[in-house]
Amino acid sequence: MLIGRRMHGKLCASVCGGTMAADALIDTGAMLALLDRTDRWHRISVDAFQQLRLPLVTSEAVLTELFHLVGDSRHEMEAAWRFVRSGAIVLAAIEDSELSQMQALMSRHSDRPMDFADATLVYLAKREGLSTIFTVDHADFDTYRIEGRRRFRVLPAGRP
């Protein structure tokens, strides 16, 4: 679902000039942990997920990573699709005119290389006014800053 549609009774998005109904972003690793009961992050991620207000915001780049990492297993691919289509996440569109901002983020973080998917999430945090991220990638998101200043609130807070 693209931002700009009705979610939980609120019309949201930059398209409408409003703010997003979501409270947090979601990264690839968190989705994988939710889907894979054998993942060491599974239990703590399920607990954190149950406490978040849905939907969570993500990007096309994150979904690309998700489906790449799920691999060729039909069962895992179908489970990923069920999650993506469940209404638990909303896909935030990034326009061509916004790509230069992802490039700037990736260049700024050359000391701790930032991949494109992470850059989209840091950018979306700024654009949508979100500071909470559901991720297992604590090392990176504890380092990244929103607008170069604000820290992310990383969930799950603990470690497995």
C-alpha atoms as a PDB file:
ATOM      1  CA  MET A   1       0.000   0.000   0.000  1.00  0.00           C
ATOM      2  CA  LEU A   2       1.416   3.363  -0.896  1.00  0.00           C
ATOM      3  CA  ILE A   3       1.261   6.270   1.477  1.00  0.00           C
ATOM      4  CA  GLY A   4      -1.683   8.452   0.657  1.00  0.00           C
ATOM      5  CA  ARG A   5      -4.338   5.813   1.211  1.00  0.00           C
ATOM      6  CA  ARG A   6      -6.564   5.517   4.251  1.00  0.00           C
ATOM      7  CA  MET A   7      -4.994   3.687   7.164  1.00  0.00           C
ATOM      8  CA  HIS A   8      -6.697   3.222  10.495  1.00  0.00           C
ATOM      9  CA  GLY A   9      -9.203   5.929   9.620  1.00  0.00           C
ATOM     10  CA  LYS A  10      -6.604   8.621   8.904  1.00  0.00           C
ATOM     11  CA  LEU A  11      -5.699  10.027   5.557  1.00  0.00           C
ATOM     12  CA  CYS A  12      -1.964  10.344   5.526  1.00  0.00           C
ATOM     13  CA  ALA A  13       1.093  11.210   3.515  1.00  0.00           C
ATOM     14  CA  SER A  14       3.039  13.839   1.843  1.00  0.00           C
ATOM     15  CA  VAL A  15       0.666  13.444  -1.101  1.00  0.00           C
ATOM     16  CA  CYS A  16      -2.138  14.718   1.126  1.00  0.00           C
ATOM     17  CA  GLY A  17      -0.029  17.201   3.017  1.00  0.00           C
ATOM     18  CA  GLY A  18      -0.627  15.366   6.284  1.00  0.00           C
ATOM     19  CA  THR A  19       1.526  13.185   8.464  1.00  0.00           C
ATOM     20  CA  MET A  20       1.765   9.463   8.323  1.00  0.00           C
ATOM     21  CA  ALA A  21      -0.432   7.369  10.614  1.00  0.00           C
ATOM     22  CA  ALA A  22       2.597   5.219  11.432  1.00  0.00           C
ATOM     23  CA  ASP A  23       4.840   5.607  14.452  1.00  0.00           C
ATOM     24  CA  ALA A  24       7.889   3.618  13.324  1.00  0.00           C
ATOM     25  CA  LEU A  25       9.982   2.350  10.456  1.00  0.00           C
ATOM     26  CA  ILE A  26      10.797  -1.320   9.830  1.00  0.00           C
ATOM     27  CA  ASP A  27      14.046  -2.708   8.428  1.00  0.00           C
ATOM     28  CA  THR A  28      14.785  -5.959   6.607  1.00  0.00           C
ATOM     29  CA  GLY A  29      16.336  -7.821   9.536  1.00  0.00           C
ATOM     30  CA  ALA A  30      13.292  -7.251  11.740  1.00  0.00           C
ATOM     31  CA  MET A  31      11.003  -8.682   9.060  1.00  0.00           C
ATOM     32  CA  LEU A  32      13.251 -11.697   8.642  1.00  0.00           C
ATOM     33  CA  ALA A  33      13.351 -12.235  12.407  1.00  0.00           C
ATOM     34  CA  LEU A  34       9.558 -12.112  12.612  1.00  0.00           C
ATOM     35  CA  LEU A  35       9.199 -14.639   9.804  1.00  0.00           C
ATOM     36  CA  ASP A  36      11.871 -17.136  10.880  1.00  0.00           C
ATOM     37  CA  ARG A  37      11.206 -18.945  14.163  1.00  0.00           C
ATOM     38  CA  THR A  38      14.807 -20.178  14.184  1.00  0.00           C
ATOM     39  CA  ASP A  39      16.257 -16.668  13.970  1.00  0.00           C
ATOM     40  CA  ARG A  40      18.007 -15.711  17.207  1.00  0.00           C
ATOM     41  CA  TRP A  41      16.101 -12.396  17.144  1.00  0.00           C
ATOM     42  CA  HIS A  42      12.676 -14.023  16.603  1.00  0.00           C
ATOM     43  CA  ARG A  43      11.252 -14.051  20.154  1.00  0.00           C
ATOM     44  CA  ILE A  44      12.422 -10.561  21.131  1.00  0.00           C
ATOM     45  CA  SER A  45      11.253  -9.207  17.751  1.00  0.00           C
ATOM     46  CA  VAL A  46       7.796 -10.746  18.143  1.00  0.00           C
ATOM     47  CA  ASP A  47       7.510  -9.156  21.593  1.00  0.00           C
ATOM     48  CA  ALA A  48       8.567  -5.738  20.243  1.00  0.00           C
ATOM     49  CA  PHE A  49       6.283  -6.037  17.199  1.00  0.00           C
ATOM     50  CA  GLN A  50       3.257  -6.666  19.413  1.00  0.00           C
ATOM     51  CA  GLN A  51       3.868  -3.362  21.179  1.00  0.00           C
ATOM     52  CA  LEU A  52       4.156  -1.223  18.045  1.00  0.00           C
ATOM     53  CA  ARG A  53       1.292   0.692  16.474  1.00  0.00           C
ATOM     54  CA  LEU A  54       0.747  -0.491  12.924  1.00  0.00           C
ATOM     55  CA  PRO A  55       1.374   0.071  10.122  1.00  0.00           C
ATOM     56  CA  LEU A  56       5.147   0.360  10.090  1.00  0.00           C
ATOM     57  CA  VAL A  57       6.831   2.310   7.288  1.00  0.00           C
ATOM     58  CA  THR A  58       9.359   0.797   4.920  1.00  0.00           C
ATOM     59  CA  SER A  59      10.804   1.368   1.467  1.00  0.00           C
ATOM     60  CA  GLU A  60      11.016  -0.512  -1.805  1.00  0.00           C
ATOM     61  CA  ALA A  61      14.741  -0.995  -1.184  1.00  0.00           C
ATOM     62  CA  VAL A  62      13.988  -2.790   2.103  1.00  0.00           C
ATOM     63  CA  LEU A  63      11.478  -5.059   0.362  1.00  0.00           C
ATOM     64  CA  THR A  64      14.056  -5.797  -2.317  1.00  0.00           C
ATOM     65  CA  GLU A  65      16.499  -6.898   0.395  1.00  0.00           C
ATOM     66  CA  LEU A  66      13.801  -8.955   2.093  1.00  0.00           C
ATOM     67  CA  PHE A  67      12.895 -10.928  -1.011  1.00  0.00           C
ATOM     68  CA  HIS A  68      16.558 -11.346  -1.976  1.00  0.00           C
ATOM     69  CA  LEU A  69      17.420 -12.764   1.443  1.00  0.00           C
ATOM     70  CA  VAL A  70      14.331 -14.985   1.558  1.00  0.00           C
ATOM     71  CA  GLY A  71      15.813 -16.672  -1.494  1.00  0.00           C
ATOM     72  CA  ASP A  72      14.288 -19.339  -3.671  1.00  0.00           C
ATOM     73  CA  SER A  73      12.193 -21.110  -1.043  1.00  0.00           C
ATOM     74  CA  ARG A  74       8.559 -20.908  -2.139  1.00  0.00           C
ATOM     75  CA  HIS A  75       7.359 -21.337   1.458  1.00  0.00           C
ATOM     76  CA  GLU A  76       9.539 -18.478   2.755  1.00  0.00           C
ATOM     77  CA  MET A  77       8.630 -16.263  -0.194  1.00  0.00           C
ATOM     78  CA  GLU A  78       4.913 -16.825   0.418  1.00  0.00           C
ATOM     79  CA  ALA A  79       5.347 -16.105   4.146  1.00  0.00           C
ATOM     80  CA  ALA A  80       7.121 -12.854   3.269  1.00  0.00           C
ATOM     81  CA  TRP A  81       4.311 -11.899   0.889  1.00  0.00           C
ATOM     82  CA  ARG A  82       1.679 -12.646   3.542  1.00  0.00           C
ATOM     83  CA  PHE A  83       3.478 -10.316   5.940  1.00  0.00           C
ATOM     84  CA  VAL A  84       3.971  -7.567   3.348  1.00  0.00           C
ATOM     85  CA  ARG A  85       0.310  -7.741   2.277  1.00  0.00           C
ATOM     86  CA  SER A  86      -1.085  -8.073   5.827  1.00  0.00           C
ATOM     87  CA  GLY A  87      -1.424  -4.349   6.435  1.00  0.00           C
ATOM     88  CA  ALA A  88       1.394  -4.434   9.006  1.00  0.00           C
ATOM     89  CA  ILE A  89       3.579  -2.269   6.778  1.00  0.00           C
ATOM     90  CA  VAL A  90       3.081   0.632   4.457  1.00  0.00           C
ATOM     91  CA  LEU A  91       5.372   1.255   1.534  1.00  0.00           C
ATOM     92  CA  ALA A  92       6.592   4.844   1.405  1.00  0.00           C
ATOM     93  CA  ALA A  93       7.298   6.031  -2.111  1.00  0.00           C
ATOM     94  CA  ILE A  94      10.559   7.818  -2.791  1.00  0.00           C
ATOM     95  CA  GLU A  95      10.595  10.049  -5.828  1.00  0.00           C
ATOM     96  CA  ASP A  96      13.451  10.432  -8.293  1.00  0.00           C
ATOM     97  CA  SER A  97      13.918  14.015  -7.104  1.00  0.00           C
ATOM     98  CA  GLU A  98      14.669  12.691  -3.590  1.00  0.00           C
ATOM     99  CA  LEU A  99      17.476  10.312  -4.605  1.00  0.00           C
ATOM    100  CA  SER A 100      20.168  12.951  -4.204  1.00  0.00           C
ATOM    101  CA  GLN A 101      19.371  13.026  -0.491  1.00  0.00           C
ATOM    102  CA  MET A 102      20.035   9.273  -0.211  1.00  0.00           C
ATOM    103  CA  GLN A 103      23.309   9.808  -2.067  1.00  0.00           C
ATOM    104  CA  ALA A 104      24.279  12.536   0.397  1.00  0.00           C
ATOM    105  CA  LEU A 105      23.479  10.280   3.359  1.00  0.00           C
ATOM    106  CA  MET A 106      25.560   7.440   1.926  1.00  0.00           C
ATOM    107  CA  SER A 107      28.466   9.813   1.282  1.00  0.00           C
ATOM    108  CA  ARG A 108      28.237  11.339   4.764  1.00  0.00           C
ATOM    109  CA  HIS A 109      28.453   7.902   6.385  1.00  0.00           C
ATOM    110  CA  SER A 110      31.527   6.720   4.503  1.00  0.00           C
ATOM    111  CA  ASP A 111      33.251   5.927   7.831  1.00  0.00           C
ATOM    112  CA  ARG A 112      30.469   3.393   8.530  1.00  0.00           C
ATOM    113  CA  PRO A 113      29.220   2.424   5.083  1.00  0.00           C
ATOM    114  CA  MET A 114      25.477   2.912   4.715  1.00  0.00           C
ATOM    115  CA  ASP A 115      23.709   0.750   2.166  1.00  0.00           C
ATOM    116  CA  PHE A 116      20.921   2.113  -0.006  1.00  0.00           C
ATOM    117  CA  ALA A 117      18.124   0.443   1.971  1.00  0.00           C
ATOM    118  CA  ASP A 118      19.389   1.990   5.222  1.00  0.00           C
ATOM    119  CA  ALA A 119      19.717   5.361   3.486  1.00  0.00           C
ATOM    120  CA  THR A 120      16.068   5.196   2.417  1.00  0.00           C
ATOM    121  CA  LEU A 121      15.006   4.541   6.014  1.00  0.00           C
ATOM    122  CA  VAL A 122      17.119   7.367   7.441  1.00  0.00           C
ATOM    123  CA  TYR A 123      15.706   9.674   4.772  1.00  0.00           C
ATOM    124  CA  LEU A 124      12.125   8.547   5.443  1.00  0.00           C
ATOM    125  CA  ALA A 125      12.660   9.118   9.175  1.00  0.00           C
ATOM    126  CA  LYS A 126      13.451  12.753   8.395  1.00  0.00           C
ATOM    127  CA  ARG A 127      10.734  13.220   5.782  1.00  0.00           C
ATOM    128  CA  GLU A 128       7.977  11.588   7.798  1.00  0.00           C
ATOM    129  CA  GLY A 129       9.022  12.775  11.253  1.00  0.00           C
ATOM    130  CA  LEU A 130       9.699   9.281  12.608  1.00  0.00           C
ATOM    131  CA  SER A 131      12.467   8.431  15.058  1.00  0.00           C
ATOM    132  CA  THR A 132      11.606   4.845  16.044  1.00  0.00           C
ATOM    133  CA  ILE A 133      12.953   1.994  13.948  1.00  0.00           C
ATOM    134  CA  PHE A 134      12.219  -1.705  14.302  1.00  0.00           C
ATOM    135  CA  THR A 135      15.508  -3.354  13.332  1.00  0.00           C
ATOM    136  CA  VAL A 136      18.027  -5.936  14.492  1.00  0.00           C
ATOM    137  CA  ASP A 137      20.783  -3.761  13.015  1.00  0.00           C
ATOM    138  CA  HIS A 138      21.613  -1.927  16.235  1.00  0.00           C
ATOM    139  CA  ALA A 139      25.225  -1.165  15.293  1.00  0.00           C
ATOM    140  CA  ASP A 140      24.204   0.914  12.281  1.00  0.00           C
ATOM    141  CA  PHE A 141      21.037   2.559  13.568  1.00  0.00           C
ATOM    142  CA  ASP A 142      22.675   3.455  16.891  1.00  0.00           C
ATOM    143  CA  THR A 143      25.237   5.325  14.754  1.00  0.00           C
ATOM    144  CA  TYR A 144      22.996   6.969  12.138  1.00  0.00           C
ATOM    145  CA  ARG A 145      21.390  10.300  12.959  1.00  0.00           C
ATOM    146  CA  ILE A 146      18.198  11.848  11.660  1.00  0.00           C
ATOM    147  CA  GLU A 147      19.108  15.175  10.040  1.00  0.00           C
ATOM    148  CA  GLY A 148      22.634  14.610  11.354  1.00  0.00           C
ATOM    149  CA  ARG A 149      21.535  15.185  14.963  1.00  0.00           C
ATOM    150  CA  ARG A 150      18.672  13.118  16.382  1.00  0.00           C
ATOM    151  CA  ARG A 151      19.234   9.545  17.484  1.00  0.00           C
ATOM    152  CA  PHE A 152      16.954   6.716  16.486  1.00  0.00           C
ATOM    153  CA  ARG A 153      14.948   4.873  19.101  1.00  0.00           C
ATOM    154  CA  VAL A 154      15.905   1.303  18.143  1.00  0.00           C
ATOM    155  CA  LEU A 155      13.525  -1.573  18.833  1.00  0.00           C
ATOM    156  CA  PRO A 156      13.774  -4.236  20.033  1.00  0.00           C
ATOM    157  CA  ALA A 157      15.761  -2.517  22.766  1.00  0.00           C
ATOM    158  CA  GLY A 158      17.404  -5.664  24.101  1.00  0.00           C
ATOM    159  CA  ARG A 159      19.613  -8.307  22.582  1.00  0.00           C
ATOM    160  CA  PRO A 160      18.723 -11.960  22.102  1.00  0.00           C
END
